[in-house]
Amino acid sequence: MIAIDFFNQFDRAALLDDPATMRYRKAVLDRGGSAPGRAMVQGFLGRDESMEAFEEWIGEALVEV
């Protein structure tokens, strides 16, 4: 759920050139295990994770089947 919420922050057409890429690096990757996971999620998203992104993804996956 969190991974999908994270991925929705990126421009899929320009993953490496998107400003979200640097935000992700600074908020998550650079911190490693130095902060609780919830703090890193909030640092990147600017909010708590959301079920909405997961529910949307599940809905899309079910439509394709």
PDB file of N, CA and C in Angstrom:
ATOM      1  N   MET A   1       0.816  -1.166   0.000  1.00  0.00           N
ATOM      2  CA  MET A   1       0.000   0.000   0.000  1.00  0.00           C
ATOM      3  C   MET A   1       0.879   1.256   0.000  1.00  0.00           C
ATOM      4  N   ILE A   2       1.897   1.266   0.833  1.00  0.00           N
ATOM      5  CA  ILE A   2       2.765   2.445   0.906  1.00  0.00           C
ATOM      6  C   ILE A   2       3.561   2.596  -0.386  1.00  0.00           C
ATOM      7  N   ALA A   3       4.032   1.499  -0.936  1.00  0.00           N
ATOM      8  CA  ALA A   3       4.810   1.571  -2.176  1.00  0.00           C
ATOM      9  C   ALA A   3       3.986   2.166  -3.308  1.00  0.00           C
ATOM     10  N   ILE A   4       2.739   1.778  -3.403  1.00  0.00           N
ATOM     11  CA  ILE A   4       1.867   2.317  -4.457  1.00  0.00           C
ATOM     12  C   ILE A   4       1.603   3.795  -4.209  1.00  0.00           C
ATOM     13  N   ASP A   5       1.372   4.158  -2.948  1.00  0.00           N
ATOM     14  CA  ASP A   5       1.164   5.561  -2.605  1.00  0.00           C
ATOM     15  C   ASP A   5       2.415   6.371  -2.958  1.00  0.00           C
ATOM     16  N   PHE A   6       3.592   5.828  -2.659  1.00  0.00           N
ATOM     17  CA  PHE A   6       4.846   6.501  -3.023  1.00  0.00           C
ATOM     18  C   PHE A   6       4.951   6.649  -4.545  1.00  0.00           C
ATOM     19  N   PHE A   7       4.729   5.552  -5.256  1.00  0.00           N
ATOM     20  CA  PHE A   7       4.918   5.551  -6.711  1.00  0.00           C
ATOM     21  C   PHE A   7       3.989   6.548  -7.396  1.00  0.00           C
ATOM     22  N   ASN A   8       2.819   6.748  -6.840  1.00  0.00           N
ATOM     23  CA  ASN A   8       1.886   7.709  -7.426  1.00  0.00           C
ATOM     24  C   ASN A   8       2.372   9.152  -7.330  1.00  0.00           C
ATOM     25  N   GLN A   9       3.412   9.391  -6.570  1.00  0.00           N
ATOM     26  CA  GLN A   9       3.974  10.738  -6.455  1.00  0.00           C
ATOM     27  C   GLN A   9       4.863  11.089  -7.649  1.00  0.00           C
ATOM     28  N   PHE A  10       5.262  10.082  -8.415  1.00  0.00           N
ATOM     29  CA  PHE A  10       6.203  10.273  -9.514  1.00  0.00           C
ATOM     30  C   PHE A  10       5.496  10.413 -10.853  1.00  0.00           C
ATOM     31  N   ASP A  11       6.141  11.149 -11.759  1.00  0.00           N
ATOM     32  CA  ASP A  11       5.699  11.226 -13.145  1.00  0.00           C
ATOM     33  C   ASP A  11       6.246   9.983 -13.840  1.00  0.00           C
ATOM     34  N   ARG A  12       5.390   9.084 -14.221  1.00  0.00           N
ATOM     35  CA  ARG A  12       5.827   7.798 -14.796  1.00  0.00           C
ATOM     36  C   ARG A  12       6.574   7.959 -16.110  1.00  0.00           C
ATOM     37  N   ALA A  13       6.362   9.060 -16.791  1.00  0.00           N
ATOM     38  CA  ALA A  13       7.045   9.294 -18.069  1.00  0.00           C
ATOM     39  C   ALA A  13       8.467   9.813 -17.871  1.00  0.00           C
ATOM     40  N   ALA A  14       8.773  10.290 -16.670  1.00  0.00           N
ATOM     41  CA  ALA A  14      10.104  10.864 -16.418  1.00  0.00           C
ATOM     42  C   ALA A  14      10.515  10.551 -14.983  1.00  0.00           C
ATOM     43  N   LEU A  15      10.627   9.285 -14.665  1.00  0.00           N
ATOM     44  CA  LEU A  15      10.897   8.882 -13.291  1.00  0.00           C
ATOM     45  C   LEU A  15      12.162   9.497 -12.708  1.00  0.00           C
ATOM     46  N   LEU A  16      13.224   9.551 -13.469  1.00  0.00           N
ATOM     47  CA  LEU A  16      14.488  10.056 -12.936  1.00  0.00           C
ATOM     48  C   LEU A  16      14.596  11.575 -12.975  1.00  0.00           C
ATOM     49  N   ASP A  17      13.775  12.221 -13.787  1.00  0.00           N
ATOM     50  CA  ASP A  17      13.824  13.678 -13.897  1.00  0.00           C
ATOM     51  C   ASP A  17      12.749  14.365 -13.062  1.00  0.00           C
ATOM     52  N   ASP A  18      11.943  13.592 -12.378  1.00  0.00           N
ATOM     53  CA  ASP A  18      10.844  14.130 -11.599  1.00  0.00           C
ATOM     54  C   ASP A  18      11.367  14.717 -10.276  1.00  0.00           C
ATOM     55  N   PRO A  19      10.860  15.855  -9.831  1.00  0.00           N
ATOM     56  CA  PRO A  19      11.274  16.410  -8.535  1.00  0.00           C
ATOM     57  C   PRO A  19      11.013  15.434  -7.374  1.00  0.00           C
ATOM     58  N   ALA A  20      10.049  14.548  -7.527  1.00  0.00           N
ATOM     59  CA  ALA A  20       9.756  13.560  -6.480  1.00  0.00           C
ATOM     60  C   ALA A  20      10.944  12.627  -6.263  1.00  0.00           C
ATOM     61  N   THR A  21      11.766  12.431  -7.276  1.00  0.00           N
ATOM     62  CA  THR A  21      12.923  11.553  -7.155  1.00  0.00           C
ATOM     63  C   THR A  21      13.874  12.054  -6.077  1.00  0.00           C
ATOM     64  N   MET A  22      14.181  13.325  -6.082  1.00  0.00           N
ATOM     65  CA  MET A  22      15.087  13.886  -5.083  1.00  0.00           C
ATOM     66  C   MET A  22      14.414  13.927  -3.711  1.00  0.00           C
ATOM     67  N   ARG A  23      13.127  14.226  -3.681  1.00  0.00           N
ATOM     68  CA  ARG A  23      12.407  14.206  -2.399  1.00  0.00           C
ATOM     69  C   ARG A  23      12.461  12.823  -1.782  1.00  0.00           C
ATOM     70  N   TYR A  24      12.280  11.777  -2.612  1.00  0.00           N
ATOM     71  CA  TYR A  24      12.337  10.393  -2.140  1.00  0.00           C
ATOM     72  C   TYR A  24      13.735  10.064  -1.609  1.00  0.00           C
ATOM     73  N   ARG A  25      14.731  10.484  -2.355  1.00  0.00           N
ATOM     74  CA  ARG A  25      16.111  10.226  -1.921  1.00  0.00           C
ATOM     75  C   ARG A  25      16.383  10.845  -0.554  1.00  0.00           C
ATOM     76  N   LYS A  26      16.000  12.107  -0.403  1.00  0.00           N
ATOM     77  CA  LYS A  26      16.287  12.815   0.852  1.00  0.00           C
ATOM     78  C   LYS A  26      15.439  12.310   2.014  1.00  0.00           C
ATOM     79  N   ALA A  27      14.172  12.029   1.761  1.00  0.00           N
ATOM     80  CA  ALA A  27      13.257  11.657   2.845  1.00  0.00           C
ATOM     81  C   ALA A  27      13.372  10.196   3.253  1.00  0.00           C
ATOM     82  N   VAL A  28      13.803   9.325   2.310  1.00  0.00           N
ATOM     83  CA  VAL A  28      13.798   7.885   2.598  1.00  0.00           C
ATOM     84  C   VAL A  28      15.188   7.267   2.459  1.00  0.00           C
ATOM     85  N   LEU A  29      15.756   7.319   1.287  1.00  0.00           N
ATOM     86  CA  LEU A  29      17.009   6.607   1.031  1.00  0.00           C
ATOM     87  C   LEU A  29      18.175   7.139   1.857  1.00  0.00           C
ATOM     88  N   ASP A  30      18.336   8.450   1.890  1.00  0.00           N
ATOM     89  CA  ASP A  30      19.457   9.024   2.644  1.00  0.00           C
ATOM     90  C   ASP A  30      19.353   8.754   4.139  1.00  0.00           C
ATOM     91  N   ARG A  31      18.153   8.587   4.641  1.00  0.00           N
ATOM     92  CA  ARG A  31      17.960   8.382   6.078  1.00  0.00           C
ATOM     93  C   ARG A  31      18.220   6.942   6.489  1.00  0.00           C
ATOM     94  N   GLY A  32      18.122   6.021   5.543  1.00  0.00           N
ATOM     95  CA  GLY A  32      18.347   4.613   5.860  1.00  0.00           C
ATOM     96  C   GLY A  32      17.479   4.173   7.016  1.00  0.00           C
ATOM     97  N   GLY A  33      18.080   3.549   8.013  1.00  0.00           N
ATOM     98  CA  GLY A  33      17.338   3.099   9.176  1.00  0.00           C
ATOM     99  C   GLY A  33      17.437   4.059  10.348  1.00  0.00           C
ATOM    100  N   SER A  34      17.791   5.302  10.073  1.00  0.00           N
ATOM    101  CA  SER A  34      18.009   6.257  11.158  1.00  0.00           C
ATOM    102  C   SER A  34      16.733   6.881  11.704  1.00  0.00           C
ATOM    103  N   ALA A  35      15.602   6.598  11.078  1.00  0.00           N
ATOM    104  CA  ALA A  35      14.327   7.158  11.534  1.00  0.00           C
ATOM    105  C   ALA A  35      13.262   6.075  11.440  1.00  0.00           C
ATOM    106  N   PRO A  36      12.218   6.187  12.244  1.00  0.00           N
ATOM    107  CA  PRO A  36      11.113   5.232  12.124  1.00  0.00           C
ATOM    108  C   PRO A  36      10.473   5.312  10.737  1.00  0.00           C
ATOM    109  N   GLY A  37       9.998   4.192  10.255  1.00  0.00           N
ATOM    110  CA  GLY A  37       9.386   4.132   8.931  1.00  0.00           C
ATOM    111  C   GLY A  37       8.270   5.135   8.749  1.00  0.00           C
ATOM    112  N   ARG A  38       7.415   5.267   9.754  1.00  0.00           N
ATOM    113  CA  ARG A  38       6.289   6.204   9.657  1.00  0.00           C
ATOM    114  C   ARG A  38       6.788   7.632   9.443  1.00  0.00           C
ATOM    115  N   ALA A  39       7.879   7.998  10.100  1.00  0.00           N
ATOM    116  CA  ALA A  39       8.433   9.341   9.939  1.00  0.00           C
ATOM    117  C   ALA A  39       8.931   9.548   8.516  1.00  0.00           C
ATOM    118  N   MET A  40       9.530   8.518   7.926  1.00  0.00           N
ATOM    119  CA  MET A  40      10.009   8.641   6.551  1.00  0.00           C
ATOM    120  C   MET A  40       8.846   8.735   5.569  1.00  0.00           C
ATOM    121  N   VAL A  41       7.786   7.966   5.813  1.00  0.00           N
ATOM    122  CA  VAL A  41       6.591   8.039   4.962  1.00  0.00           C
ATOM    123  C   VAL A  41       6.022   9.454   5.017  1.00  0.00           C
ATOM    124  N   GLN A  42       5.854   9.975   6.213  1.00  0.00           N
ATOM    125  CA  GLN A  42       5.307  11.324   6.373  1.00  0.00           C
ATOM    126  C   GLN A  42       6.236  12.375   5.779  1.00  0.00           C
ATOM    127  N   GLY A  43       7.547  12.151   5.901  1.00  0.00           N
ATOM    128  CA  GLY A  43       8.507  13.085   5.327  1.00  0.00           C
ATOM    129  C   GLY A  43       8.435  13.146   3.817  1.00  0.00           C
ATOM    130  N   PHE A  44       8.192  12.014   3.179  1.00  0.00           N
ATOM    131  CA  PHE A  44       8.108  11.987   1.720  1.00  0.00           C
ATOM    132  C   PHE A  44       6.743  12.441   1.219  1.00  0.00           C
ATOM    133  N   LEU A  45       5.692  11.894   1.793  1.00  0.00           N
ATOM    134  CA  LEU A  45       4.350  12.200   1.310  1.00  0.00           C
ATOM    135  C   LEU A  45       3.810  13.533   1.842  1.00  0.00           C
ATOM    136  N   GLY A  46       4.338  13.949   2.985  1.00  0.00           N
ATOM    137  CA  GLY A  46       3.801  15.141   3.621  1.00  0.00           C
ATOM    138  C   GLY A  46       2.493  14.854   4.346  1.00  0.00           C
ATOM    139  N   ARG A  47       2.210  13.583   4.545  1.00  0.00           N
ATOM    140  CA  ARG A  47       0.986  13.116   5.192  1.00  0.00           C
ATOM    141  C   ARG A  47       1.159  11.653   5.537  1.00  0.00           C
ATOM    142  N   ASP A  48       0.187  11.065   6.209  1.00  0.00           N
ATOM    143  CA  ASP A  48       0.194   9.618   6.426  1.00  0.00           C
ATOM    144  C   ASP A  48      -0.119   8.913   5.112  1.00  0.00           C
ATOM    145  N   GLU A  49       0.248   7.638   5.032  1.00  0.00           N
ATOM    146  CA  GLU A  49      -0.082   6.867   3.845  1.00  0.00           C
ATOM    147  C   GLU A  49      -1.605   6.781   3.697  1.00  0.00           C
ATOM    148  N   SER A  50      -2.046   6.469   2.483  1.00  0.00           N
ATOM    149  CA  SER A  50      -3.473   6.452   2.200  1.00  0.00           C
ATOM    150  C   SER A  50      -3.870   5.153   1.511  1.00  0.00           C
ATOM    151  N   MET A  51      -5.008   4.634   1.891  1.00  0.00           N
ATOM    152  CA  MET A  51      -5.544   3.431   1.237  1.00  0.00           C
ATOM    153  C   MET A  51      -6.080   3.745  -0.154  1.00  0.00           C
ATOM    154  N   GLU A  52      -6.337   5.006  -0.442  1.00  0.00           N
ATOM    155  CA  GLU A  52      -6.942   5.382  -1.720  1.00  0.00           C
ATOM    156  C   GLU A  52      -6.099   4.934  -2.911  1.00  0.00           C
ATOM    157  N   ALA A  53      -4.804   5.120  -2.837  1.00  0.00           N
ATOM    158  CA  ALA A  53      -3.936   4.717  -3.948  1.00  0.00           C
ATOM    159  C   ALA A  53      -3.991   3.209  -4.144  1.00  0.00           C
ATOM    160  N   PHE A  54      -4.000   2.460  -3.056  1.00  0.00           N
ATOM    161  CA  PHE A  54      -4.066   1.001  -3.129  1.00  0.00           C
ATOM    162  C   PHE A  54      -5.420   0.557  -3.693  1.00  0.00           C
ATOM    163  N   GLU A  55      -6.493   1.153  -3.217  1.00  0.00           N
ATOM    164  CA  GLU A  55      -7.822   0.793  -3.700  1.00  0.00           C
ATOM    165  C   GLU A  55      -7.971   1.074  -5.187  1.00  0.00           C
ATOM    166  N   GLU A  56      -7.417   2.193  -5.633  1.00  0.00           N
ATOM    167  CA  GLU A  56      -7.458   2.528  -7.056  1.00  0.00           C
ATOM    168  C   GLU A  56      -6.670   1.505  -7.871  1.00  0.00           C
ATOM    169  N   TRP A  57      -5.490   1.131  -7.387  1.00  0.00           N
ATOM    170  CA  TRP A  57      -4.651   0.148  -8.084  1.00  0.00           C
ATOM    171  C   TRP A  57      -5.354  -1.204  -8.166  1.00  0.00           C
ATOM    172  N   ILE A  58      -5.966  -1.630  -7.066  1.00  0.00           N
ATOM    173  CA  ILE A  58      -6.699  -2.907  -7.064  1.00  0.00           C
ATOM    174  C   ILE A  58      -7.845  -2.850  -8.069  1.00  0.00           C
ATOM    175  N   GLY A  59      -8.554  -1.741  -8.088  1.00  0.00           N
ATOM    176  CA  GLY A  59      -9.657  -1.577  -9.037  1.00  0.00           C
ATOM    177  C   GLY A  59      -9.182  -1.675 -10.467  1.00  0.00           C
ATOM    178  N   GLU A  60      -8.045  -1.062 -10.783  1.00  0.00           N
ATOM    179  CA  GLU A  60      -7.485  -1.120 -12.138  1.00  0.00           C
ATOM    180  C   GLU A  60      -7.064  -2.551 -12.475  1.00  0.00           C
ATOM    181  N   ALA A  61      -6.468  -3.237 -11.525  1.00  0.00           N
ATOM    182  CA  ALA A  61      -6.012  -4.612 -11.760  1.00  0.00           C
ATOM    183  C   ALA A  61      -7.195  -5.536 -12.009  1.00  0.00           C
ATOM    184  N   LEU A  62      -8.280  -5.339 -11.289  1.00  0.00           N
ATOM    185  CA  LEU A  62      -9.462  -6.194 -11.460  1.00  0.00           C
ATOM    186  C   LEU A  62     -10.144  -5.942 -12.804  1.00  0.00           C
ATOM    187  N   VAL A  63     -10.108  -4.720 -13.279  1.00  0.00           N
ATOM    188  CA  VAL A  63     -10.726  -4.384 -14.570  1.00  0.00           C
ATOM    189  C   VAL A  63      -9.956  -5.051 -15.702  1.00  0.00           C
ATOM    190  N   GLU A  64      -8.633  -5.144 -15.568  1.00  0.00           N
ATOM    191  CA  GLU A  64      -7.794  -5.730 -16.629  1.00  0.00           C
ATOM    192  C   GLU A  64      -7.982  -7.230 -16.735  1.00  0.00           C
ATOM    193  N   VAL A  65      -8.433  -7.899 -15.680  1.00  0.00           N
ATOM    194  CA  VAL A  65      -8.561  -9.361 -15.674  1.00  0.00           C
ATOM    195  C   VAL A  65      -9.773  -9.782 -16.393  1.00  0.00           C
TER     196      VAL A  65
END
